[in-house]
Structure formats: C-alpha cells, structure tokens
Amino acid sequence: MLVLTRRAGESIMIGSEIVVTVLESRGDQVRVGIEAPRRVQIHRAEVYREIERENAAAIASADRASALLGRRKPDLKRDPQSRPSNSAGEGPGEDEA
C-alpha cells in the first residue's frame, strides 16, 4: 500500500485519468473528491462489498433455479431439433427462383 501525506486542496493522480483531491480534514474524518471518467465505477469499500455479495447471491440463486427446473442451454451441434428454423419453415434456397 502506498501511503501519502496530503493537505486540503492537494491531489494525487491514479493513472492519467483519475484525480483524488483532499477537500478537508476534521478530526478523524477526511473528505475527498474524485475526478474520473464516467466509465470508472467509484464506490465506498463497504458499498462495493455489498454489491459483490448481492451479485454472488443472485448468481447462486439463478444457478439453483436452473438446476431445479432442469434447464440447460441446448447443444446445437448434438441436437438438430434445437436449431432455429427460418421463418417460413422451409429449407434454405427453396424460395429462390
């Protein structure tokens, strides 16, 4: 872990696109401002951990539901009846003249 000392108004750079600025310090709290591209997700650590926990629970729930329903993705190479047909229900090239 890199440890830096900064005063209010001073910043650090993370890569070339993220700037973290110390806004103020009061007692045991520090306010920081973060400038980053919109594509970069920024969360407090406790919020990020909760998101990860909920995502893992959702995946586990979907896996359990699939197992209970006995559903699986069709293997198109092995089961020709699972292959989608064209909209007319005819073979390829039959409507060409």
N, C-alpha and C. Protein backbone atom coordinates (compact mmCIF):
# COMPACT_ATOMS: atom_id res chain seq x y z
N MET A 1 0.85 -1.18 0.00
CA MET A 1 0.00 0.00 0.00
C MET A 1 0.90 1.24 0.00
N LEU A 2 0.60 2.13 -0.89
CA LEU A 2 1.30 3.41 -0.95
C LEU A 2 0.63 4.34 0.06
N VAL A 3 1.41 4.95 0.91
CA VAL A 3 0.88 5.89 1.91
C VAL A 3 1.43 7.27 1.60
N LEU A 4 0.54 8.24 1.43
CA LEU A 4 0.94 9.62 1.11
C LEU A 4 0.34 10.57 2.13
N THR A 5 1.02 11.67 2.35
CA THR A 5 0.50 12.73 3.20
C THR A 5 0.09 13.88 2.30
N ARG A 6 -1.14 14.32 2.43
CA ARG A 6 -1.67 15.42 1.63
C ARG A 6 -2.41 16.37 2.53
N ARG A 7 -2.42 17.63 2.17
CA ARG A 7 -3.19 18.64 2.90
C ARG A 7 -4.43 19.00 2.07
N ALA A 8 -5.37 19.68 2.69
CA ALA A 8 -6.58 20.12 1.99
C ALA A 8 -6.17 20.89 0.73
N GLY A 9 -6.82 20.55 -0.36
CA GLY A 9 -6.54 21.20 -1.64
C GLY A 9 -5.47 20.49 -2.46
N GLU A 10 -4.74 19.55 -1.86
CA GLU A 10 -3.72 18.81 -2.61
C GLU A 10 -4.33 17.53 -3.19
N SER A 11 -3.73 17.07 -4.28
CA SER A 11 -4.28 15.93 -5.01
C SER A 11 -3.24 14.85 -5.24
N ILE A 12 -3.74 13.68 -5.62
CA ILE A 12 -2.89 12.61 -6.13
C ILE A 12 -3.51 12.14 -7.43
N MET A 13 -2.68 11.62 -8.31
CA MET A 13 -3.13 11.09 -9.59
C MET A 13 -3.08 9.57 -9.54
N ILE A 14 -4.11 8.94 -10.10
CA ILE A 14 -4.13 7.48 -10.28
C ILE A 14 -4.19 7.28 -11.78
N GLY A 15 -3.11 6.80 -12.35
CA GLY A 15 -3.01 6.74 -13.80
C GLY A 15 -3.02 8.15 -14.36
N SER A 16 -3.54 8.30 -15.56
CA SER A 16 -3.58 9.63 -16.16
C SER A 16 -4.97 10.25 -16.16
N GLU A 17 -5.97 9.49 -15.66
CA GLU A 17 -7.34 9.97 -15.76
C GLU A 17 -8.06 10.17 -14.43
N ILE A 18 -7.49 9.73 -13.33
CA ILE A 18 -8.19 9.81 -12.05
C ILE A 18 -7.41 10.73 -11.11
N VAL A 19 -8.13 11.71 -10.57
CA VAL A 19 -7.54 12.66 -9.62
C VAL A 19 -8.30 12.55 -8.31
N VAL A 20 -7.58 12.33 -7.22
CA VAL A 20 -8.18 12.30 -5.88
C VAL A 20 -7.66 13.52 -5.14
N THR A 21 -8.59 14.37 -4.68
CA THR A 21 -8.22 15.61 -4.01
C THR A 21 -8.74 15.59 -2.58
N VAL A 22 -7.88 15.96 -1.65
CA VAL A 22 -8.30 16.11 -0.25
C VAL A 22 -9.04 17.44 -0.16
N LEU A 23 -10.32 17.40 0.22
CA LEU A 23 -11.12 18.61 0.31
C LEU A 23 -11.01 19.26 1.69
N GLU A 24 -11.13 18.42 2.72
CA GLU A 24 -10.98 18.94 4.09
C GLU A 24 -10.74 17.80 5.06
N SER A 25 -10.24 18.16 6.21
CA SER A 25 -10.00 17.18 7.27
C SER A 25 -10.54 17.77 8.57
N ARG A 26 -11.41 17.00 9.23
CA ARG A 26 -11.98 17.42 10.52
C ARG A 26 -11.88 16.27 11.49
N GLY A 27 -11.10 16.41 12.51
CA GLY A 27 -10.97 15.33 13.50
C GLY A 27 -10.53 14.05 12.84
N ASP A 28 -11.36 13.01 12.95
CA ASP A 28 -10.99 11.70 12.38
C ASP A 28 -11.64 11.45 11.01
N GLN A 29 -12.18 12.50 10.39
CA GLN A 29 -12.79 12.35 9.07
C GLN A 29 -12.04 13.17 8.03
N VAL A 30 -11.95 12.61 6.84
CA VAL A 30 -11.32 13.30 5.72
C VAL A 30 -12.31 13.27 4.56
N ARG A 31 -12.56 14.41 3.95
CA ARG A 31 -13.42 14.46 2.75
C ARG A 31 -12.52 14.50 1.54
N VAL A 32 -12.81 13.63 0.58
CA VAL A 32 -12.05 13.60 -0.66
C VAL A 32 -12.99 13.79 -1.84
N GLY A 33 -12.46 14.37 -2.89
CA GLY A 33 -13.18 14.49 -4.15
C GLY A 33 -12.45 13.63 -5.18
N ILE A 34 -13.21 12.98 -6.04
CA ILE A 34 -12.62 12.09 -7.03
C ILE A 34 -13.11 12.52 -8.41
N GLU A 35 -12.18 12.78 -9.30
CA GLU A 35 -12.49 13.08 -10.70
C GLU A 35 -12.05 11.87 -11.51
N ALA A 36 -13.00 11.29 -12.24
CA ALA A 36 -12.70 10.10 -13.05
C ALA A 36 -13.66 10.05 -14.22
N PRO A 37 -13.29 9.34 -15.28
CA PRO A 37 -14.22 9.18 -16.40
C PRO A 37 -15.48 8.46 -15.95
N ARG A 38 -16.57 8.71 -16.63
CA ARG A 38 -17.86 8.10 -16.26
C ARG A 38 -17.81 6.58 -16.30
N ARG A 39 -16.98 6.01 -17.15
CA ARG A 39 -16.90 4.55 -17.27
C ARG A 39 -16.27 3.89 -16.04
N VAL A 40 -15.64 4.68 -15.18
CA VAL A 40 -15.00 4.15 -13.98
C VAL A 40 -16.01 4.18 -12.84
N GLN A 41 -16.29 3.01 -12.28
CA GLN A 41 -17.21 2.94 -11.14
C GLN A 41 -16.46 3.28 -9.87
N ILE A 42 -17.06 4.11 -9.04
CA ILE A 42 -16.45 4.52 -7.78
C ILE A 42 -17.45 4.24 -6.67
N HIS A 43 -17.02 3.46 -5.69
CA HIS A 43 -17.87 3.12 -4.55
C HIS A 43 -17.05 3.18 -3.27
N ARG A 44 -17.71 3.47 -2.17
CA ARG A 44 -17.06 3.26 -0.87
C ARG A 44 -16.84 1.76 -0.72
N ALA A 45 -15.81 1.35 -0.01
CA ALA A 45 -15.46 -0.07 0.11
C ALA A 45 -16.62 -0.90 0.65
N GLU A 46 -17.33 -0.40 1.66
CA GLU A 46 -18.42 -1.18 2.24
C GLU A 46 -19.58 -1.35 1.26
N VAL A 47 -19.82 -0.35 0.41
CA VAL A 47 -20.86 -0.44 -0.61
C VAL A 47 -20.43 -1.45 -1.68
N TYR A 48 -19.17 -1.39 -2.09
CA TYR A 48 -18.66 -2.32 -3.10
C TYR A 48 -18.77 -3.77 -2.62
N ARG A 49 -18.42 -4.02 -1.37
CA ARG A 49 -18.53 -5.38 -0.82
C ARG A 49 -19.98 -5.85 -0.82
N GLU A 50 -20.91 -4.98 -0.53
CA GLU A 50 -22.34 -5.34 -0.54
C GLU A 50 -22.80 -5.65 -1.96
N ILE A 51 -22.38 -4.86 -2.92
CA ILE A 51 -22.72 -5.13 -4.33
C ILE A 51 -22.19 -6.50 -4.74
N GLU A 52 -20.95 -6.79 -4.40
CA GLU A 52 -20.35 -8.08 -4.73
C GLU A 52 -21.12 -9.23 -4.07
N ARG A 53 -21.51 -9.05 -2.81
CA ARG A 53 -22.26 -10.08 -2.09
C ARG A 53 -23.61 -10.33 -2.76
N GLU A 54 -24.31 -9.26 -3.12
CA GLU A 54 -25.61 -9.40 -3.77
C GLU A 54 -25.49 -10.03 -5.15
N ASN A 55 -24.44 -9.67 -5.90
CA ASN A 55 -24.23 -10.28 -7.22
C ASN A 55 -23.97 -11.77 -7.08
N ALA A 56 -23.15 -12.16 -6.12
CA ALA A 56 -22.85 -13.58 -5.91
C ALA A 56 -24.12 -14.33 -5.51
N ALA A 57 -24.95 -13.73 -4.66
CA ALA A 57 -26.20 -14.37 -4.25
C ALA A 57 -27.15 -14.52 -5.44
N ALA A 58 -27.20 -13.52 -6.31
CA ALA A 58 -28.08 -13.59 -7.48
C ALA A 58 -27.62 -14.69 -8.44
N ILE A 59 -26.33 -14.83 -8.63
CA ILE A 59 -25.81 -15.89 -9.50
C ILE A 59 -26.12 -17.26 -8.91
N ALA A 60 -25.91 -17.41 -7.61
CA ALA A 60 -26.19 -18.69 -6.95
C ALA A 60 -27.68 -19.02 -7.05
N SER A 61 -28.53 -18.03 -6.89
CA SER A 61 -29.97 -18.24 -6.97
C SER A 61 -30.37 -18.65 -8.39
N ALA A 62 -29.81 -18.01 -9.39
CA ALA A 62 -30.12 -18.37 -10.78
C ALA A 62 -29.64 -19.78 -11.09
N ASP A 63 -28.46 -20.13 -10.58
CA ASP A 63 -27.94 -21.49 -10.79
C ASP A 63 -28.84 -22.53 -10.13
N ARG A 64 -29.31 -22.23 -8.92
CA ARG A 64 -30.21 -23.16 -8.23
C ARG A 64 -31.52 -23.30 -8.98
N ALA A 65 -32.05 -22.19 -9.47
CA ALA A 65 -33.32 -22.23 -10.21
C ALA A 65 -33.16 -23.05 -11.49
N SER A 66 -32.06 -22.86 -12.19
CA SER A 66 -31.82 -23.64 -13.41
C SER A 66 -31.72 -25.12 -13.09
N ALA A 67 -31.03 -25.45 -12.01
CA ALA A 67 -30.88 -26.86 -11.63
C ALA A 67 -32.23 -27.46 -11.24
N LEU A 68 -33.04 -26.71 -10.52
CA LEU A 68 -34.35 -27.22 -10.11
C LEU A 68 -35.27 -27.42 -11.30
N LEU A 69 -35.17 -26.55 -12.27
CA LEU A 69 -36.03 -26.65 -13.44
C LEU A 69 -35.47 -27.60 -14.49
N GLY A 70 -34.25 -28.05 -14.26
CA GLY A 70 -33.63 -28.97 -15.19
C GLY A 70 -33.32 -28.35 -16.53
N ARG A 71 -33.16 -27.05 -16.53
CA ARG A 71 -32.90 -26.35 -17.78
C ARG A 71 -31.41 -26.27 -18.03
N ARG A 72 -31.11 -26.37 -19.29
CA ARG A 72 -29.74 -26.15 -19.73
C ARG A 72 -29.80 -25.59 -21.13
N LYS A 73 -28.72 -24.98 -21.57
CA LYS A 73 -28.68 -24.45 -22.92
C LYS A 73 -28.65 -25.62 -23.89
N PRO A 74 -29.40 -25.54 -24.99
CA PRO A 74 -29.38 -26.63 -25.96
C PRO A 74 -28.03 -26.73 -26.64
N ASP A 75 -27.60 -27.94 -26.90
CA ASP A 75 -26.35 -28.18 -27.60
C ASP A 75 -26.71 -28.29 -29.08
N LEU A 76 -26.52 -27.21 -29.83
CA LEU A 76 -26.95 -27.15 -31.22
C LEU A 76 -26.17 -28.11 -32.11
N LYS A 77 -24.98 -28.49 -31.71
CA LYS A 77 -24.19 -29.42 -32.51
C LYS A 77 -24.71 -30.85 -32.38
N ARG A 78 -25.26 -31.20 -31.24
CA ARG A 78 -25.71 -32.57 -30.99
C ARG A 78 -27.18 -32.78 -31.25
N ASP A 79 -28.00 -31.75 -31.05
CA ASP A 79 -29.45 -31.90 -31.14
C ASP A 79 -29.99 -31.04 -32.28
N PRO A 80 -30.13 -31.60 -33.49
CA PRO A 80 -30.56 -30.79 -34.64
C PRO A 80 -31.96 -30.21 -34.45
N GLN A 81 -32.80 -30.80 -33.63
CA GLN A 81 -34.15 -30.26 -33.43
C GLN A 81 -34.13 -28.98 -32.61
N SER A 82 -33.02 -28.71 -31.94
CA SER A 82 -32.90 -27.48 -31.16
C SER A 82 -32.52 -26.30 -32.02
N ARG A 83 -32.10 -26.58 -33.26
CA ARG A 83 -31.66 -25.50 -34.13
C ARG A 83 -32.86 -24.66 -34.56
N PRO A 84 -32.66 -23.34 -34.59
CA PRO A 84 -33.76 -22.49 -35.05
C PRO A 84 -33.98 -22.67 -36.55
N SER A 85 -35.24 -22.69 -36.99
CA SER A 85 -35.55 -22.80 -38.40
C SER A 85 -35.80 -21.41 -38.95
N ASN A 86 -35.83 -21.29 -40.30
CA ASN A 86 -36.14 -19.99 -40.87
C ASN A 86 -37.62 -19.69 -40.66
N SER A 87 -38.03 -18.46 -40.92
CA SER A 87 -39.39 -18.05 -40.57
C SER A 87 -40.46 -18.75 -41.39
N ALA A 88 -40.15 -19.19 -42.59
CA ALA A 88 -41.15 -19.86 -43.42
C ALA A 88 -41.21 -21.34 -43.14
N GLY A 89 -40.25 -21.86 -42.41
CA GLY A 89 -40.23 -23.28 -42.10
C GLY A 89 -39.71 -24.12 -43.25
N GLU A 90 -39.13 -23.46 -44.26
CA GLU A 90 -38.62 -24.17 -45.42
C GLU A 90 -37.11 -24.23 -45.33
N GLY A 91 -36.52 -25.15 -46.10
CA GLY A 91 -35.08 -25.25 -46.14
C GLY A 91 -34.47 -24.09 -46.89
N PRO A 92 -33.17 -23.92 -46.78
CA PRO A 92 -32.52 -22.79 -47.44
C PRO A 92 -32.57 -22.95 -48.95
N GLY A 93 -32.81 -21.85 -49.64
CA GLY A 93 -32.77 -21.83 -51.08
C GLY A 93 -34.05 -22.27 -51.76
N GLU A 94 -35.06 -22.73 -51.05
CA GLU A 94 -36.27 -23.23 -51.69
C GLU A 94 -37.15 -22.11 -52.23
N ASP A 95 -36.98 -20.88 -51.70
CA ASP A 95 -37.82 -19.80 -52.18
C ASP A 95 -37.13 -19.00 -53.27
N GLU A 96 -35.93 -19.40 -53.67
CA GLU A 96 -35.21 -18.68 -54.71
C GLU A 96 -35.63 -19.21 -56.07
N ALA A 97 -35.76 -18.32 -57.08
CA ALA A 97 -36.15 -18.75 -58.42
C ALA A 97 -35.09 -18.40 -59.43
